[in-house]
């Protein structure tokens, strides 16, 4: 007795066709999932770089926003100079800010709110060699903070790491426009010699976000570049009161 087509088993050709169709469906699904993952990774990388840049810049901008100058012996209070770290020419800057101290305290080891508040504190930014990563390619940006302000606001304090994949950190200093029309700016600034703080500064930073392990062999990544102008004109508008004035 003959069986109907529904009762007969699948032939080899039918099985082959079914497997072929299934493989096409699986390949299409893989491409969709892979594209989704790649898109997510690209979006994450696209968001990570601005986050890192904003975090680094935000730290520096807040300190400069509340810059304070005046009243120290010999007009000390602001010192910007060039140095060399691992063969890279880079900036080092120290100044006084009225921003509330973030890490340094009046009493070592204390974390109480009252002992973390300083009306004025010393702040500085400098690069150090990154000996852990990048094969010497990267440098570390460190922030110095001293709770107490003395006549030499360029030394002492507590150091905290800002970012560890820095390639470049340069600052050009500009006097008030009525005193100089220098377009290039000055490499160094000492308030003891200039008798004041710069009118503005031009800060250039180059940094990396991703690890080199993510690169293909022989591929070279272009660093993320940041160039910002910071106006310090507000420091000229703050009059330092002395006991004779009160």
C-alpha atoms as a PDB file:
ATOM      1  CA  UNK A   1       0.000   0.000   0.000  1.00  0.00           C
ATOM      2  CA  UNK A   2       1.415   3.362  -1.038  1.00  0.00           C
ATOM      3  CA  UNK A   3       1.921   6.121   1.598  1.00  0.00           C
ATOM      4  CA  UNK A   4       0.791   9.684   0.960  1.00  0.00           C
ATOM      5  CA  UNK A   5       3.319  12.526   0.488  1.00  0.00           C
ATOM      6  CA  UNK A   6       2.648  13.718   4.060  1.00  0.00           C
ATOM      7  CA  UNK A   7       3.525  10.290   5.424  1.00  0.00           C
ATOM      8  CA  UNK A   8       6.762   9.856   3.427  1.00  0.00           C
ATOM      9  CA  UNK A   9      10.110  10.943   4.970  1.00  0.00           C
ATOM     10  CA  UNK A  10      12.142  13.887   3.612  1.00  0.00           C
ATOM     11  CA  UNK A  11      14.461  13.152   0.755  1.00  0.00           C
ATOM     12  CA  UNK A  12      18.163  14.070   0.804  1.00  0.00           C
ATOM     13  CA  UNK A  13      17.509  16.985  -1.557  1.00  0.00           C
ATOM     14  CA  UNK A  14      14.785  18.352   0.707  1.00  0.00           C
ATOM     15  CA  UNK A  15      17.066  18.092   3.757  1.00  0.00           C
ATOM     16  CA  UNK A  16      19.857  19.860   1.877  1.00  0.00           C
ATOM     17  CA  UNK A  17      17.543  22.684   0.836  1.00  0.00           C
ATOM     18  CA  UNK A  18      16.239  23.053   4.404  1.00  0.00           C
ATOM     19  CA  UNK A  19      19.775  23.224   5.820  1.00  0.00           C
ATOM     20  CA  UNK A  20      20.746  25.792   3.174  1.00  0.00           C
ATOM     21  CA  UNK A  21      17.769  28.012   4.028  1.00  0.00           C
ATOM     22  CA  UNK A  22      18.476  27.660   7.755  1.00  0.00           C
ATOM     23  CA  UNK A  23      22.132  28.643   7.247  1.00  0.00           C
ATOM     24  CA  UNK A  24      21.052  31.771   5.361  1.00  0.00           C
ATOM     25  CA  UNK A  25      18.674  32.732   8.199  1.00  0.00           C
ATOM     26  CA  UNK A  26      21.402  32.142  10.810  1.00  0.00           C
ATOM     27  CA  UNK A  27      23.908  34.211   8.787  1.00  0.00           C
ATOM     28  CA  UNK A  28      21.424  37.072   8.456  1.00  0.00           C
ATOM     29  CA  UNK A  29      20.708  36.974  12.185  1.00  0.00           C
ATOM     30  CA  UNK A  30      24.451  36.967  12.931  1.00  0.00           C
ATOM     31  CA  UNK A  31      25.016  40.010  10.716  1.00  0.00           C
ATOM     32  CA  UNK A  32      22.167  41.860  12.423  1.00  0.00           C
ATOM     33  CA  UNK A  33      23.480  41.036  15.921  1.00  0.00           C
ATOM     34  CA  UNK A  34      27.087  41.816  14.951  1.00  0.00           C
ATOM     35  CA  UNK A  35      26.026  45.162  13.453  1.00  0.00           C
ATOM     36  CA  UNK A  36      24.066  45.984  16.596  1.00  0.00           C
ATOM     37  CA  UNK A  37      27.051  45.181  18.824  1.00  0.00           C
ATOM     38  CA  UNK A  38      29.430  47.188  16.628  1.00  0.00           C
ATOM     39  CA  UNK A  39      27.027  50.107  16.632  1.00  0.00           C
ATOM     40  CA  UNK A  40      26.790  49.964  20.409  1.00  0.00           C
ATOM     41  CA  UNK A  41      30.580  49.836  20.761  1.00  0.00           C
ATOM     42  CA  UNK A  42      31.009  52.784  18.398  1.00  0.00           C
ATOM     43  CA  UNK A  43      28.390  54.738  20.320  1.00  0.00           C
ATOM     44  CA  UNK A  44      30.105  53.919  23.610  1.00  0.00           C
ATOM     45  CA  UNK A  45      33.488  55.050  22.238  1.00  0.00           C
ATOM     46  CA  UNK A  46      31.889  58.174  20.804  1.00  0.00           C
ATOM     47  CA  UNK A  47      30.481  59.025  24.232  1.00  0.00           C
ATOM     48  CA  UNK A  48      33.568  58.015  26.230  1.00  0.00           C
ATOM     49  CA  UNK A  49      35.934  60.537  24.640  1.00  0.00           C
ATOM     50  CA  UNK A  50      33.759  63.608  25.420  1.00  0.00           C
ATOM     51  CA  UNK A  51      33.222  62.306  28.957  1.00  0.00           C
ATOM     52  CA  UNK A  52      36.957  62.003  29.573  1.00  0.00           C
ATOM     53  CA  UNK A  53      37.674  65.384  27.964  1.00  0.00           C
ATOM     54  CA  UNK A  54      34.947  67.115  29.965  1.00  0.00           C
ATOM     55  CA  UNK A  55      36.144  65.541  33.197  1.00  0.00           C
ATOM     56  CA  UNK A  56      39.743  66.695  32.669  1.00  0.00           C
ATOM     57  CA  UNK A  57      38.745  70.164  31.489  1.00  0.00           C
ATOM     58  CA  UNK A  58      36.102  70.569  34.194  1.00  0.00           C
ATOM     59  CA  UNK A  59      38.680  69.960  36.902  1.00  0.00           C
ATOM     60  CA  UNK A  60      41.091  72.538  35.496  1.00  0.00           C
ATOM     61  CA  UNK A  61      38.445  75.141  34.604  1.00  0.00           C
ATOM     62  CA  UNK A  62      36.938  75.163  38.091  1.00  0.00           C
ATOM     63  CA  UNK A  63      40.308  75.850  39.674  1.00  0.00           C
ATOM     64  CA  UNK A  64      41.082  78.691  37.265  1.00  0.00           C
ATOM     65  CA  UNK A  65      37.560  80.087  37.573  1.00  0.00           C
ATOM     66  CA  UNK A  66      38.215  80.995  41.206  1.00  0.00           C
ATOM     67  CA  UNK A  67      41.837  82.077  40.750  1.00  0.00           C
ATOM     68  CA  UNK A  68      43.065  84.512  43.412  1.00  0.00           C
ATOM     69  CA  UNK A  69      46.100  86.738  43.365  1.00  0.00           C
ATOM     70  CA  UNK A  70      47.505  89.407  45.634  1.00  0.00           C
ATOM     71  CA  UNK A  71      48.771  90.069  49.123  1.00  0.00           C
ATOM     72  CA  UNK A  72      51.686  87.632  49.129  1.00  0.00           C
ATOM     73  CA  UNK A  73      55.287  88.668  49.699  1.00  0.00           C
ATOM     74  CA  UNK A  74      56.984  89.779  46.494  1.00  0.00           C
ATOM     75  CA  UNK A  75      53.800  89.374  44.430  1.00  0.00           C
ATOM     76  CA  UNK A  76      54.093  85.582  44.539  1.00  0.00           C
ATOM     77  CA  UNK A  77      51.012  83.532  43.746  1.00  0.00           C
ATOM     78  CA  UNK A  78      51.204  82.433  40.101  1.00  0.00           C
ATOM     79  CA  UNK A  79      53.980  80.491  38.439  1.00  0.00           C
ATOM     80  CA  UNK A  80      53.764  78.890  35.011  1.00  0.00           C
ATOM     81  CA  UNK A  81      56.826  77.341  33.455  1.00  0.00           C
ATOM     82  CA  UNK A  82      57.970  74.724  30.986  1.00  0.00           C
ATOM     83  CA  UNK A  83      59.584  71.427  31.861  1.00  0.00           C
ATOM     84  CA  UNK A  84      60.624  68.184  30.226  1.00  0.00           C
ATOM     85  CA  UNK A  85      59.137  64.813  31.135  1.00  0.00           C
ATOM     86  CA  UNK A  86      60.270  61.680  29.286  1.00  0.00           C
ATOM     87  CA  UNK A  87      61.565  63.841  26.445  1.00  0.00           C
ATOM     88  CA  UNK A  88      58.296  65.751  26.067  1.00  0.00           C
ATOM     89  CA  UNK A  89      58.172  69.508  26.615  1.00  0.00           C
ATOM     90  CA  UNK A  90      55.218  70.232  28.881  1.00  0.00           C
ATOM     91  CA  UNK A  91      53.724  72.868  31.131  1.00  0.00           C
ATOM     92  CA  UNK A  92      53.670  73.108  34.906  1.00  0.00           C
ATOM     93  CA  UNK A  93      51.472  75.704  36.564  1.00  0.00           C
ATOM     94  CA  UNK A  94      50.848  76.663  40.194  1.00  0.00           C
ATOM     95  CA  UNK A  95      48.444  79.281  41.522  1.00  0.00           C
ATOM     96  CA  UNK A  96      45.996  80.106  44.305  1.00  0.00           C
ATOM     97  CA  UNK A  97      42.288  79.415  44.057  1.00  0.00           C
ATOM     98  CA  UNK A  98      39.300  80.347  46.187  1.00  0.00           C
ATOM     99  CA  UNK A  99      37.636  77.071  45.250  1.00  0.00           C
ATOM    100  CA  UNK A 100      36.835  74.865  48.230  1.00  0.00           C
ATOM    101  CA  UNK A 101      39.626  72.369  48.852  1.00  0.00           C
ATOM    102  CA  UNK A 102      38.807  68.897  47.550  1.00  0.00           C
ATOM    103  CA  UNK A 103      41.431  66.586  49.033  1.00  0.00           C
ATOM    104  CA  UNK A 104      43.800  68.469  51.315  1.00  0.00           C
ATOM    105  CA  UNK A 105      42.695  69.029  54.927  1.00  0.00           C
ATOM    106  CA  UNK A 106      43.801  71.177  57.821  1.00  0.00           C
ATOM    107  CA  UNK A 107      44.566  68.086  59.896  1.00  0.00           C
ATOM    108  CA  UNK A 108      46.247  65.153  58.164  1.00  0.00           C
ATOM    109  CA  UNK A 109      43.940  62.144  57.917  1.00  0.00           C
ATOM    110  CA  UNK A 110      40.802  64.115  58.697  1.00  0.00           C
ATOM    111  CA  UNK A 111      37.766  63.920  56.427  1.00  0.00           C
ATOM    112  CA  UNK A 112      35.281  66.049  58.349  1.00  0.00           C
ATOM    113  CA  UNK A 113      33.480  68.699  56.314  1.00  0.00           C
ATOM    114  CA  UNK A 114      34.669  71.643  58.450  1.00  0.00           C
ATOM    115  CA  UNK A 115      38.311  70.630  58.114  1.00  0.00           C
ATOM    116  CA  UNK A 116      38.028  70.316  54.325  1.00  0.00           C
ATOM    117  CA  UNK A 117      36.875  73.888  53.776  1.00  0.00           C
ATOM    118  CA  UNK A 118      39.676  76.332  53.068  1.00  0.00           C
ATOM    119  CA  UNK A 119      38.956  79.926  51.944  1.00  0.00           C
ATOM    120  CA  UNK A 120      42.103  79.791  49.796  1.00  0.00           C
ATOM    121  CA  UNK A 121      44.222  76.866  48.703  1.00  0.00           C
ATOM    122  CA  UNK A 122      47.274  76.271  46.533  1.00  0.00           C
ATOM    123  CA  UNK A 123      46.678  74.347  43.328  1.00  0.00           C
ATOM    124  CA  UNK A 124      49.040  73.096  40.665  1.00  0.00           C
ATOM    125  CA  UNK A 125      49.061  70.910  37.545  1.00  0.00           C
ATOM    126  CA  UNK A 126      52.056  68.967  36.273  1.00  0.00           C
ATOM    127  CA  UNK A 127      52.920  65.897  34.228  1.00  0.00           C
ATOM    128  CA  UNK A 128      54.757  62.827  35.421  1.00  0.00           C
ATOM    129  CA  UNK A 129      56.024  59.790  33.531  1.00  0.00           C
ATOM    130  CA  UNK A 130      53.544  56.940  33.154  1.00  0.00           C
ATOM    131  CA  UNK A 131      55.712  53.930  33.958  1.00  0.00           C
ATOM    132  CA  UNK A 132      52.879  51.407  33.920  1.00  0.00           C
ATOM    133  CA  UNK A 133      51.265  51.739  30.477  1.00  0.00           C
ATOM    134  CA  UNK A 134      51.870  52.832  26.927  1.00  0.00           C
ATOM    135  CA  UNK A 135      55.525  51.918  26.673  1.00  0.00           C
ATOM    136  CA  UNK A 136      56.541  55.460  27.602  1.00  0.00           C
ATOM    137  CA  UNK A 137      54.130  57.017  25.118  1.00  0.00           C
ATOM    138  CA  UNK A 138      51.759  58.323  27.771  1.00  0.00           C
ATOM    139  CA  UNK A 139      52.242  60.758  30.623  1.00  0.00           C
ATOM    140  CA  UNK A 140      50.152  61.327  33.735  1.00  0.00           C
ATOM    141  CA  UNK A 141      48.473  64.616  34.623  1.00  0.00           C
ATOM    142  CA  UNK A 142      48.528  65.272  38.375  1.00  0.00           C
ATOM    143  CA  UNK A 143      46.809  67.941  40.448  1.00  0.00           C
ATOM    144  CA  UNK A 144      48.497  69.386  43.520  1.00  0.00           C
ATOM    145  CA  UNK A 145      46.457  70.875  46.345  1.00  0.00           C
ATOM    146  CA  UNK A 146      47.681  72.456  49.567  1.00  0.00           C
ATOM    147  CA  UNK A 147      45.182  73.470  52.236  1.00  0.00           C
ATOM    148  CA  UNK A 148      47.417  76.252  53.551  1.00  0.00           C
ATOM    149  CA  UNK A 149      48.660  79.189  51.454  1.00  0.00           C
ATOM    150  CA  UNK A 150      52.138  80.490  52.209  1.00  0.00           C
ATOM    151  CA  UNK A 151      54.568  82.875  50.531  1.00  0.00           C
ATOM    152  CA  UNK A 152      55.712  80.108  48.152  1.00  0.00           C
ATOM    153  CA  UNK A 153      52.513  78.602  46.731  1.00  0.00           C
ATOM    154  CA  UNK A 154      54.358  76.262  44.375  1.00  0.00           C
ATOM    155  CA  UNK A 155      55.467  73.543  46.788  1.00  0.00           C
ATOM    156  CA  UNK A 156      53.977  71.040  49.190  1.00  0.00           C
ATOM    157  CA  UNK A 157      50.459  69.697  49.315  1.00  0.00           C
ATOM    158  CA  UNK A 158      48.645  66.532  48.257  1.00  0.00           C
ATOM    159  CA  UNK A 159      48.894  65.079  44.740  1.00  0.00           C
ATOM    160  CA  UNK A 160      46.011  63.305  43.002  1.00  0.00           C
ATOM    161  CA  UNK A 161      45.957  61.725  39.555  1.00  0.00           C
ATOM    162  CA  UNK A 162      43.714  63.471  37.013  1.00  0.00           C
ATOM    163  CA  UNK A 163      44.347  61.287  33.933  1.00  0.00           C
ATOM    164  CA  UNK A 164      46.992  58.774  32.902  1.00  0.00           C
ATOM    165  CA  UNK A 165      46.960  58.767  29.082  1.00  0.00           C
ATOM    166  CA  UNK A 166      48.221  62.256  28.311  1.00  0.00           C
ATOM    167  CA  UNK A 167      50.452  62.907  25.302  1.00  0.00           C
ATOM    168  CA  UNK A 168      50.686  66.686  25.492  1.00  0.00           C
ATOM    169  CA  UNK A 169      49.990  69.435  28.029  1.00  0.00           C
ATOM    170  CA  UNK A 170      51.046  72.935  27.006  1.00  0.00           C
ATOM    171  CA  UNK A 171      50.040  76.414  28.156  1.00  0.00           C
ATOM    172  CA  UNK A 172      50.737  79.797  26.541  1.00  0.00           C
ATOM    173  CA  UNK A 173      50.307  82.884  28.739  1.00  0.00           C
ATOM    174  CA  UNK A 174      48.987  86.237  27.512  1.00  0.00           C
ATOM    175  CA  UNK A 175      49.296  89.633  29.241  1.00  0.00           C
ATOM    176  CA  UNK A 176      46.564  92.247  29.109  1.00  0.00           C
ATOM    177  CA  UNK A 177      45.903  93.409  25.522  1.00  0.00           C
ATOM    178  CA  UNK A 178      46.992  96.968  26.313  1.00  0.00           C
ATOM    179  CA  UNK A 179      50.453  95.704  27.329  1.00  0.00           C
ATOM    180  CA  UNK A 180      51.177  93.241  24.552  1.00  0.00           C
ATOM    181  CA  UNK A 181      49.835  92.145  21.168  1.00  0.00           C
ATOM    182  CA  UNK A 182      51.892  88.956  21.136  1.00  0.00           C
ATOM    183  CA  UNK A 183      49.885  86.369  19.207  1.00  0.00           C
ATOM    184  CA  UNK A 184      52.043  83.413  20.230  1.00  0.00           C
ATOM    185  CA  UNK A 185      51.873  83.986  23.956  1.00  0.00           C
ATOM    186  CA  UNK A 186      54.591  83.426  26.531  1.00  0.00           C
ATOM    187  CA  UNK A 187      55.977  80.026  27.510  1.00  0.00           C
ATOM    188  CA  UNK A 188      56.389  81.032  31.152  1.00  0.00           C
ATOM    189  CA  UNK A 189      54.813  83.436  33.623  1.00  0.00           C
ATOM    190  CA  UNK A 190      56.058  84.437  37.062  1.00  0.00           C
ATOM    191  CA  UNK A 191      53.844  86.870  38.977  1.00  0.00           C
ATOM    192  CA  UNK A 192      56.868  87.977  41.003  1.00  0.00           C
ATOM    193  CA  UNK A 193      58.323  89.403  37.799  1.00  0.00           C
ATOM    194  CA  UNK A 194      55.088  90.343  36.017  1.00  0.00           C
ATOM    195  CA  UNK A 195      53.424  91.710  39.178  1.00  0.00           C
ATOM    196  CA  UNK A 196      50.133  90.089  38.256  1.00  0.00           C
ATOM    197  CA  UNK A 197      48.502  87.042  36.718  1.00  0.00           C
ATOM    198  CA  UNK A 198      48.050  86.541  32.953  1.00  0.00           C
ATOM    199  CA  UNK A 199      45.062  88.104  31.257  1.00  0.00           C
ATOM    200  CA  UNK A 200      44.373  84.769  29.567  1.00  0.00           C
ATOM    201  CA  UNK A 201      46.004  81.476  28.753  1.00  0.00           C
ATOM    202  CA  UNK A 202      45.774  79.065  25.848  1.00  0.00           C
ATOM    203  CA  UNK A 203      45.794  75.445  26.972  1.00  0.00           C
ATOM    204  CA  UNK A 204      46.513  72.541  24.604  1.00  0.00           C
ATOM    205  CA  UNK A 205      45.988  68.920  25.649  1.00  0.00           C
ATOM    206  CA  UNK A 206      46.353  65.704  23.682  1.00  0.00           C
ATOM    207  CA  UNK A 207      45.110  62.460  25.218  1.00  0.00           C
ATOM    208  CA  UNK A 208      44.098  58.903  24.367  1.00  0.00           C
ATOM    209  CA  UNK A 209      40.985  57.129  25.570  1.00  0.00           C
ATOM    210  CA  UNK A 210      41.136  53.581  24.166  1.00  0.00           C
ATOM    211  CA  UNK A 211      43.836  51.031  24.914  1.00  0.00           C
ATOM    212  CA  UNK A 212      46.427  50.151  22.250  1.00  0.00           C
ATOM    213  CA  UNK A 213      45.291  46.520  22.493  1.00  0.00           C
ATOM    214  CA  UNK A 214      42.196  47.543  20.514  1.00  0.00           C
ATOM    215  CA  UNK A 215      44.311  48.590  17.522  1.00  0.00           C
ATOM    216  CA  UNK A 216      45.135  46.417  14.555  1.00  0.00           C
ATOM    217  CA  UNK A 217      48.799  45.504  14.043  1.00  0.00           C
ATOM    218  CA  UNK A 218      50.717  48.502  12.709  1.00  0.00           C
ATOM    219  CA  UNK A 219      47.763  50.868  13.225  1.00  0.00           C
ATOM    220  CA  UNK A 220      48.482  54.255  14.797  1.00  0.00           C
ATOM    221  CA  UNK A 221      45.797  56.150  16.663  1.00  0.00           C
ATOM    222  CA  UNK A 222      45.438  59.900  16.417  1.00  0.00           C
ATOM    223  CA  UNK A 223      45.148  61.435  19.903  1.00  0.00           C
ATOM    224  CA  UNK A 224      42.117  63.453  20.930  1.00  0.00           C
ATOM    225  CA  UNK A 225      43.105  67.122  20.843  1.00  0.00           C
ATOM    226  CA  UNK A 226      41.731  69.833  23.129  1.00  0.00           C
ATOM    227  CA  UNK A 227      42.502  73.532  22.718  1.00  0.00           C
ATOM    228  CA  UNK A 228      40.841  76.011  25.066  1.00  0.00           C
ATOM    229  CA  UNK A 229      41.217  79.682  25.965  1.00  0.00           C
ATOM    230  CA  UNK A 230      40.811  80.461  29.657  1.00  0.00           C
ATOM    231  CA  UNK A 231      40.261  84.103  30.605  1.00  0.00           C
ATOM    232  CA  UNK A 232      41.692  85.111  33.971  1.00  0.00           C
ATOM    233  CA  UNK A 233      40.510  88.708  33.793  1.00  0.00           C
ATOM    234  CA  UNK A 234      38.386  88.196  36.878  1.00  0.00           C
ATOM    235  CA  UNK A 235      41.481  87.983  39.051  1.00  0.00           C
ATOM    236  CA  UNK A 236      42.225  91.623  38.251  1.00  0.00           C
ATOM    237  CA  UNK A 237      38.848  92.641  39.638  1.00  0.00           C
ATOM    238  CA  UNK A 238      39.425  91.119  43.074  1.00  0.00           C
ATOM    239  CA  UNK A 239      40.992  93.623  45.448  1.00  0.00           C
ATOM    240  CA  UNK A 240      43.093  92.099  48.184  1.00  0.00           C
ATOM    241  CA  UNK A 241      42.335  93.783  51.507  1.00  0.00           C
ATOM    242  CA  UNK A 242      45.144  94.239  54.011  1.00  0.00           C
ATOM    243  CA  UNK A 243      44.908  95.109  57.709  1.00  0.00           C
ATOM    244  CA  UNK A 244      45.641  98.746  56.790  1.00  0.00           C
ATOM    245  CA  UNK A 245      42.550  98.793  54.560  1.00  0.00           C
ATOM    246  CA  UNK A 246      40.130  97.623  57.251  1.00  0.00           C
END
